[in-house]
Amino acid sequence: MIDPQRIAADPAISAFVTANAGSGKTKTLIDRVARLLLAKVQPEAILCVTYTKAAAAEMQRRLFERLGKWSVTSDADLRAELAKLVGESDEIYDAKRLSEARALFAQALETPGGLKIQTIHAFCEKLLRRFPLEAGVSPGFTVMDDQAGAAIARAARRSVAAWVDTHDDAFALAYARFSVALDFQSFEAMFAGFEARRGQIVAYVQRCGGLAEAIADAWMRCGFDAPTSAEHLAAKAMARLDLGAWRAAATVLFDGGGKQDAKYAEGLAAVARDPDATLEMALRALFTEGGEGTPATWPGKTSGLKSREDLREALLLEQAKLETAREQVRAAKVAEDTQNALLLAGLTLPLLAAALRRRRKLR
């Protein structure tokens, strides 16, 4: 039977492995490194990259544990282990090859700088140090720890707050809207999101050709040729409603229906008689889940309208208009929030970048 772990551990092939936790991925990697060493690859030519420091330390510990065990194992046991690892007959492991396997532990220990088992962050930092100009970073930079990075980020946010406090423009309006709409934790988390995704945000803005163009792109992706307020769209939708049909349907339901029909009628009448009725009120009257769900089925089923097919069809048409309006308003709100987020990111990220440059820090 073919052993998939042995196949994946073969250094002669390129392998991509996906597996659940505890299924032996680390063991397969250690087997692969051990086979590279047995094939006389120099330890300094081997690079192992993991995501966390703990994983790197664990992999190094287990690799040295295996090599150390080989250095003191009896000939018979070592021959059997090597044969099982490589998948070859134990007869090929003569005294010379066993001696070479035992020497791997000392060879790994004496490798300048040690075996290269490191996190992807450490590997990238090493590359940046080697090619700082090509990467566009300051030579001799230092990597900021989380505590120092958080302090600089807080300072950048305070600078934004101070700036908008003395200005009356789109940036200040965006700050004011989010500061009211979000609780403190969500407001802080939004700025943390800017900082965590600053590379993606800057790249997007540059791709679009600038901040104004990025905002225009956001509106276009939401289905609008130009910025349009959600309030304006909601008002237009209310103006298009046939409130006469709403009043007539409410009267019929009040007069000829039961208790449930009276409840439906009250919702219709509340919208029809209120000159300041909102889109949310209209949606609650004809949609489930307080206006957030699907169109209510009662206009097509209630017995209170059985004699007025014209009103039944009118209400179904009103539902269709409201559903379209609800989607447009939702899209406009997404576009507005995206515009305001881009404005605040465009104000925050340059301040953060400037602070990092002054300190020759990377984060």
Protein backbone atom coordinates (compact mmCIF):
# COMPACT_ATOMS: atom_id res chain seq x y z
CA MET A 1 0.00 0.00 0.00
CA ILE A 2 1.33 3.44 -0.95
CA ASP A 3 2.02 5.72 2.02
CA PRO A 4 0.88 9.28 1.10
CA GLN A 5 3.04 10.79 3.87
CA ARG A 6 6.13 9.12 2.44
CA ILE A 7 5.27 10.45 -1.02
CA ALA A 8 4.80 14.00 0.31
CA ALA A 9 8.10 13.72 2.23
CA ASP A 10 10.06 12.84 -0.91
CA PRO A 11 12.31 15.87 -1.59
CA ALA A 12 12.51 14.92 -5.27
CA ILE A 13 8.93 16.06 -5.84
CA SER A 14 6.96 19.27 -5.23
CA ALA A 15 4.02 18.57 -2.95
CA PHE A 16 1.04 20.61 -1.75
CA VAL A 17 -0.60 19.07 1.32
CA THR A 18 -3.91 19.92 2.99
CA ALA A 19 -4.93 18.00 6.09
CA ASN A 20 -6.73 18.39 9.40
CA ALA A 21 -5.03 19.27 12.65
CA GLY A 22 -3.18 16.37 14.22
CA SER A 23 -3.01 14.39 10.98
CA GLY A 24 0.78 14.49 10.69
CA LYS A 25 1.63 17.57 8.60
CA THR A 26 4.55 18.56 10.83
CA LYS A 27 5.87 14.99 10.85
CA THR A 28 5.77 14.97 7.04
CA LEU A 29 7.78 18.20 6.93
CA ILE A 30 10.34 16.82 9.37
CA ASP A 31 10.59 13.63 7.31
CA ARG A 32 11.19 15.76 4.22
CA VAL A 33 13.97 17.77 5.88
CA ALA A 34 15.54 14.60 7.26
CA ARG A 35 15.56 13.05 3.79
CA LEU A 36 17.15 16.18 2.35
CA LEU A 37 19.91 15.92 4.93
CA LEU A 38 20.36 12.23 4.19
CA ALA A 39 20.70 13.18 0.51
CA LYS A 40 23.70 15.36 1.56
CA VAL A 41 21.95 18.71 1.07
CA GLN A 42 23.77 21.28 3.18
CA PRO A 43 21.69 22.40 6.21
CA GLU A 44 22.18 26.09 5.38
CA ALA A 45 20.52 25.49 1.98
CA ILE A 46 17.26 24.32 3.55
CA LEU A 47 14.52 26.81 4.44
CA CYS A 48 11.38 25.93 6.41
CA VAL A 49 8.75 28.65 6.75
CA THR A 50 5.86 28.45 9.23
CA TYR A 51 3.24 30.95 10.36
CA THR A 52 3.86 31.15 14.11
CA LYS A 53 6.94 31.21 16.31
CA ALA A 54 5.51 28.34 18.33
CA ALA A 55 5.19 26.18 15.21
CA ALA A 56 8.76 27.02 14.14
CA ALA A 57 10.11 26.17 17.60
CA GLU A 58 8.15 22.91 17.72
CA MET A 59 9.37 21.84 14.28
CA GLN A 60 12.98 22.60 15.17
CA ARG A 61 12.67 20.75 18.46
CA ARG A 62 11.26 17.63 16.82
CA LEU A 63 13.84 17.68 14.03
CA PHE A 64 16.77 17.95 16.46
CA GLU A 65 15.18 15.27 18.64
CA ARG A 66 15.14 12.88 15.67
CA LEU A 67 18.68 13.68 14.56
CA GLY A 68 19.91 13.39 18.14
CA LYS A 69 18.23 9.99 18.48
CA TRP A 70 19.93 8.81 15.29
CA SER A 71 23.34 9.68 16.71
CA VAL A 72 22.96 7.18 19.57
CA THR A 73 20.69 4.49 18.04
CA SER A 74 22.05 1.00 17.45
CA ASP A 75 22.93 -0.06 13.92
CA ALA A 76 19.96 -2.40 13.59
CA ASP A 77 17.38 0.10 14.84
CA LEU A 78 18.82 2.97 12.80
CA ARG A 79 18.98 0.84 9.67
CA ALA A 80 15.29 -0.08 10.11
CA GLU A 81 14.22 3.50 10.74
CA LEU A 82 16.08 4.88 7.72
CA ALA A 83 14.66 2.16 5.49
CA LYS A 84 11.15 2.96 6.69
CA LEU A 85 11.69 6.71 6.21
CA VAL A 86 13.03 6.48 2.67
CA GLY A 87 11.09 3.42 1.57
CA GLU A 88 14.17 1.43 0.53
CA SER A 89 15.63 -1.88 1.56
CA ASP A 90 17.62 -1.77 4.80
CA GLU A 91 20.42 -3.64 3.04
CA ILE A 92 21.63 -0.45 1.35
CA TYR A 93 22.47 1.13 4.72
CA ASP A 94 26.01 -0.05 5.30
CA ALA A 95 28.35 1.19 8.02
CA LYS A 96 29.37 4.26 5.99
CA ARG A 97 25.79 5.44 5.41
CA LEU A 98 24.87 4.80 9.03
CA SER A 99 27.86 6.85 10.12
CA GLU A 100 26.78 9.69 7.82
CA ALA A 101 23.27 9.62 9.30
CA ARG A 102 24.67 9.79 12.84
CA ALA A 103 26.83 12.77 11.90
CA LEU A 104 23.82 14.83 10.78
CA PHE A 105 23.02 15.94 14.33
CA ALA A 106 26.43 17.54 14.84
CA GLN A 107 26.36 18.96 11.31
CA ALA A 108 23.01 20.66 11.97
CA LEU A 109 24.21 22.05 15.30
CA GLU A 110 27.35 23.49 13.71
CA THR A 111 25.54 25.14 10.80
CA PRO A 112 26.21 28.92 10.89
CA GLY A 113 23.01 30.61 12.04
CA GLY A 114 21.40 27.24 12.67
CA LEU A 115 18.78 25.48 10.60
CA LYS A 116 16.51 28.00 8.89
CA ILE A 117 13.18 27.14 10.45
CA GLN A 118 11.43 30.48 10.85
CA THR A 119 8.14 32.32 10.58
CA ILE A 120 7.06 33.92 7.34
CA HIS A 121 7.32 37.29 9.11
CA ALA A 122 10.97 36.68 9.98
CA PHE A 123 11.69 35.50 6.45
CA CYS A 124 10.07 38.59 4.92
CA GLU A 125 11.92 40.85 7.35
CA LYS A 126 15.21 39.28 6.26
CA LEU A 127 14.36 39.91 2.60
CA LEU A 128 13.46 43.53 3.32
CA ARG A 129 16.74 44.05 5.16
CA ARG A 130 18.64 42.64 2.21
CA PHE A 131 16.78 44.69 -0.41
CA PRO A 132 15.42 47.80 1.37
CA LEU A 133 15.67 50.17 -1.59
CA GLU A 134 13.95 47.75 -3.93
CA ALA A 135 11.17 47.29 -1.34
CA GLY A 136 10.82 51.03 -0.77
CA VAL A 137 11.67 50.93 2.94
CA SER A 138 14.29 52.78 4.97
CA PRO A 139 17.63 50.94 5.29
CA GLY A 140 18.27 50.04 8.89
CA PHE A 141 14.57 49.94 9.75
CA THR A 142 13.29 48.23 12.88
CA VAL A 143 10.10 46.22 13.19
CA MET A 144 7.66 47.70 15.64
CA ASP A 145 6.13 45.52 18.34
CA ASP A 146 2.39 45.47 18.91
CA GLN A 147 2.46 47.81 21.89
CA ALA A 148 4.52 50.50 20.15
CA GLY A 149 2.46 50.09 16.97
CA ALA A 150 -0.77 50.57 18.89
CA ALA A 151 0.62 53.77 20.46
CA ILE A 152 1.49 55.23 17.06
CA ALA A 153 -1.91 54.22 15.69
CA ARG A 154 -3.65 55.94 18.62
CA ALA A 155 -1.62 59.07 18.00
CA ALA A 156 -2.62 59.03 14.32
CA ARG A 157 -6.29 58.73 15.27
CA ARG A 158 -5.96 61.63 17.69
CA SER A 159 -4.43 63.69 14.90
CA VAL A 160 -7.40 62.87 12.68
CA ALA A 161 -9.83 63.91 15.43
CA ALA A 162 -7.96 67.19 15.96
CA TRP A 163 -7.90 67.86 12.21
CA VAL A 164 -11.62 67.31 11.62
CA ASP A 165 -12.40 69.42 14.69
CA THR A 166 -11.07 72.49 12.85
CA HIS A 167 -12.52 71.72 9.41
CA ASP A 168 -15.96 71.70 7.89
CA ASP A 169 -15.73 69.49 4.85
CA ALA A 170 -16.46 65.97 3.60
CA PHE A 171 -13.77 64.47 5.87
CA ALA A 172 -15.28 66.09 8.96
CA LEU A 173 -18.77 65.01 7.91
CA ALA A 174 -17.61 61.42 7.45
CA TYR A 175 -16.01 61.45 10.91
CA ALA A 176 -19.15 62.90 12.48
CA ARG A 177 -21.44 60.36 10.84
CA PHE A 178 -19.44 57.35 11.94
CA SER A 179 -18.88 58.71 15.44
CA VAL A 180 -22.66 58.92 15.87
CA ALA A 181 -23.60 55.70 14.03
CA LEU A 182 -21.00 53.46 15.75
CA ASP A 183 -20.31 52.72 19.39
CA PHE A 184 -16.84 53.46 20.70
CA GLN A 185 -15.47 49.95 20.21
CA SER A 186 -16.79 49.72 16.64
CA PHE A 187 -15.44 53.19 15.86
CA GLU A 188 -11.98 52.20 17.10
CA ALA A 189 -12.20 48.87 15.28
CA MET A 190 -12.89 50.70 12.02
CA PHE A 191 -9.64 52.66 12.32
CA ALA A 192 -7.80 49.49 13.31
CA GLY A 193 -9.16 47.96 10.11
CA PHE A 194 -7.73 50.86 8.09
CA GLU A 195 -4.32 50.24 9.62
CA ALA A 196 -4.45 46.45 9.19
CA ARG A 197 -5.42 46.78 5.51
CA ARG A 198 -3.51 49.91 4.66
CA GLY A 199 -1.59 48.23 1.84
CA GLN A 200 -4.79 47.03 0.18
CA ILE A 201 -6.52 50.38 0.62
CA VAL A 202 -3.59 52.36 -0.78
CA ALA A 203 -3.26 49.94 -3.71
CA TYR A 204 -6.99 50.26 -4.49
CA VAL A 205 -6.90 54.06 -4.41
CA GLN A 206 -3.81 54.10 -6.62
CA ARG A 207 -5.43 51.67 -9.06
CA CYS A 208 -8.44 53.94 -9.37
CA GLY A 209 -6.25 57.01 -9.91
CA GLY A 210 -6.84 58.81 -6.64
CA LEU A 211 -9.24 59.16 -3.71
CA ALA A 212 -12.00 60.90 -5.70
CA GLU A 213 -11.81 58.25 -8.40
CA ALA A 214 -11.93 55.48 -5.79
CA ILE A 215 -15.09 56.99 -4.32
CA ALA A 216 -16.64 57.22 -7.79
CA ASP A 217 -15.71 53.56 -8.36
CA ALA A 218 -17.44 52.56 -5.12
CA TRP A 219 -20.65 54.28 -6.21
CA MET A 220 -20.46 52.67 -9.64
CA ARG A 221 -19.99 49.21 -8.12
CA CYS A 222 -23.12 49.80 -6.05
CA GLY A 223 -25.09 50.65 -9.18
CA PHE A 224 -25.00 54.45 -9.28
CA ASP A 225 -23.57 56.79 -11.90
CA ALA A 226 -23.13 59.54 -9.30
CA PRO A 227 -23.40 59.90 -5.50
CA THR A 228 -27.02 59.78 -4.37
CA SER A 229 -28.20 60.00 -0.79
CA ALA A 230 -30.22 57.13 0.63
CA GLU A 231 -32.65 59.67 2.10
CA HIS A 232 -33.29 61.15 -1.35
CA LEU A 233 -33.96 57.70 -2.83
CA ALA A 234 -36.33 56.85 0.03
CA ALA A 235 -38.23 60.11 -0.45
CA LYS A 236 -38.55 59.46 -4.20
CA ALA A 237 -39.86 55.99 -3.49
CA MET A 238 -42.51 57.33 -1.12
CA ALA A 239 -43.59 59.90 -3.70
CA ARG A 240 -44.21 57.11 -6.22
CA LEU A 241 -46.57 55.16 -3.96
CA ASP A 242 -50.26 55.03 -4.84
CA LEU A 243 -51.54 56.17 -1.46
CA GLY A 244 -55.08 56.28 -2.79
CA ALA A 245 -54.95 52.52 -3.21
CA TRP A 246 -53.54 52.20 0.32
CA ARG A 247 -56.47 54.22 1.74
CA ALA A 248 -59.05 52.32 -0.27
CA ALA A 249 -57.61 48.96 0.74
CA ALA A 250 -57.51 50.02 4.39
CA THR A 251 -61.19 51.06 4.27
CA VAL A 252 -62.27 47.74 2.71
CA LEU A 253 -60.28 45.76 5.27
CA PHE A 254 -61.65 47.78 8.19
CA ASP A 255 -65.25 47.37 6.98
CA GLY A 256 -65.36 43.79 5.79
CA GLY A 257 -62.54 41.92 7.49
CA GLY A 258 -61.80 40.35 10.85
CA LYS A 259 -59.29 41.23 13.55
CA GLN A 260 -56.27 40.25 11.45
CA ASP A 261 -57.56 42.27 8.48
CA ALA A 262 -58.00 45.24 10.81
CA LYS A 263 -54.33 44.92 11.79
CA TYR A 264 -53.29 44.97 8.12
CA ALA A 265 -55.60 47.93 7.53
CA GLU A 266 -54.07 49.94 10.37
CA GLY A 267 -50.61 49.52 8.86
CA LEU A 268 -51.84 50.75 5.48
CA ALA A 269 -53.80 53.64 6.95
CA ALA A 270 -50.87 54.80 9.11
CA VAL A 271 -48.78 55.31 5.98
CA ALA A 272 -51.60 56.82 3.89
CA ARG A 273 -52.62 59.46 6.45
CA ASP A 274 -49.14 60.56 7.58
CA PRO A 275 -47.56 63.17 5.27
CA ASP A 276 -44.20 62.42 6.89
CA ALA A 277 -44.45 58.64 6.56
CA THR A 278 -41.08 57.01 5.93
CA LEU A 279 -40.02 54.20 3.67
CA GLU A 280 -39.47 52.09 6.78
CA MET A 281 -43.14 52.53 7.76
CA ALA A 282 -44.29 51.51 4.29
CA LEU A 283 -42.04 48.44 4.32
CA ARG A 284 -43.33 47.37 7.74
CA ALA A 285 -46.89 47.50 6.41
CA LEU A 286 -46.27 45.20 3.42
CA PHE A 287 -43.17 43.14 4.34
CA THR A 288 -42.32 40.58 6.99
CA GLU A 289 -39.73 40.94 9.78
CA GLY A 290 -40.51 44.60 10.39
CA GLY A 291 -39.91 45.49 6.76
CA GLU A 292 -36.60 43.63 6.44
CA GLY A 293 -37.96 40.31 5.22
CA THR A 294 -39.89 39.04 2.23
CA PRO A 295 -43.09 40.58 0.81
CA ALA A 296 -46.06 39.72 3.05
CA THR A 297 -48.39 37.14 1.50
CA TRP A 298 -51.61 38.46 2.99
CA PRO A 299 -52.46 40.88 0.11
CA GLY A 300 -52.84 37.85 -2.15
CA LYS A 301 -54.66 35.69 0.41
CA THR A 302 -56.78 37.75 2.77
CA SER A 303 -60.53 37.29 2.42
CA GLY A 304 -61.08 40.95 3.20
CA LEU A 305 -60.05 41.86 -0.38
CA LYS A 306 -61.78 38.97 -2.16
CA SER A 307 -64.33 41.34 -3.69
CA ARG A 308 -61.72 43.89 -4.75
CA GLU A 309 -59.25 42.23 -7.09
CA ASP A 310 -58.19 45.68 -8.28
CA LEU A 311 -56.98 46.61 -4.79
CA ARG A 312 -55.29 43.25 -4.35
CA GLU A 313 -53.31 43.77 -7.56
CA ALA A 314 -52.55 47.38 -6.56
CA LEU A 315 -51.01 46.24 -3.27
CA LEU A 316 -48.94 43.59 -5.01
CA LEU A 317 -47.64 46.31 -7.36
CA GLU A 318 -46.84 48.51 -4.35
CA GLN A 319 -44.85 45.66 -2.86
CA ALA A 320 -42.81 45.35 -6.05
CA LYS A 321 -42.05 49.09 -6.05
CA LEU A 322 -41.08 49.02 -2.38
CA GLU A 323 -38.81 46.01 -2.83
CA THR A 324 -36.93 47.77 -5.63
CA ALA A 325 -36.66 50.93 -3.53
CA ARG A 326 -35.41 48.99 -0.51
CA GLU A 327 -32.58 47.46 -2.55
CA GLN A 328 -31.62 50.85 -3.99
CA VAL A 329 -31.59 52.46 -0.56
CA ARG A 330 -29.49 49.63 0.86
CA ALA A 331 -27.02 49.95 -2.03
CA ALA A 332 -26.83 53.73 -1.52
CA LYS A 333 -26.12 53.24 2.19
CA VAL A 334 -23.30 50.82 1.36
CA ALA A 335 -21.87 53.32 -1.11
CA GLU A 336 -22.19 56.18 1.39
CA ASP A 337 -20.48 54.17 4.12
CA THR A 338 -17.74 53.14 1.70
CA GLN A 339 -17.23 56.75 0.62
CA ASN A 340 -16.98 57.92 4.23
CA ALA A 341 -14.64 55.05 5.13
CA LEU A 342 -12.38 55.89 2.17
CA LEU A 343 -12.31 59.54 3.20
CA LEU A 344 -11.28 58.69 6.76
CA ALA A 345 -8.76 56.10 5.56
CA GLY A 346 -7.36 58.68 3.15
CA LEU A 347 -6.90 61.05 6.09
CA THR A 348 -5.56 58.50 8.58
CA LEU A 349 -3.11 56.40 6.58
CA PRO A 350 -0.80 59.25 5.43
CA LEU A 351 -0.50 60.39 9.07
CA LEU A 352 0.33 56.86 10.16
CA ALA A 353 2.84 56.38 7.33
CA ALA A 354 4.55 59.68 8.16
CA ALA A 355 4.86 58.69 11.83
CA LEU A 356 6.40 55.34 10.89
CA ARG A 357 8.86 56.98 8.48
CA ARG A 358 10.00 59.45 11.12
CA ARG A 359 10.81 56.54 13.42
CA ARG A 360 12.15 54.30 10.62
CA LYS A 361 9.70 51.65 11.72
CA LEU A 362 7.82 48.95 9.89
CA ARG A 363 4.48 47.60 11.07
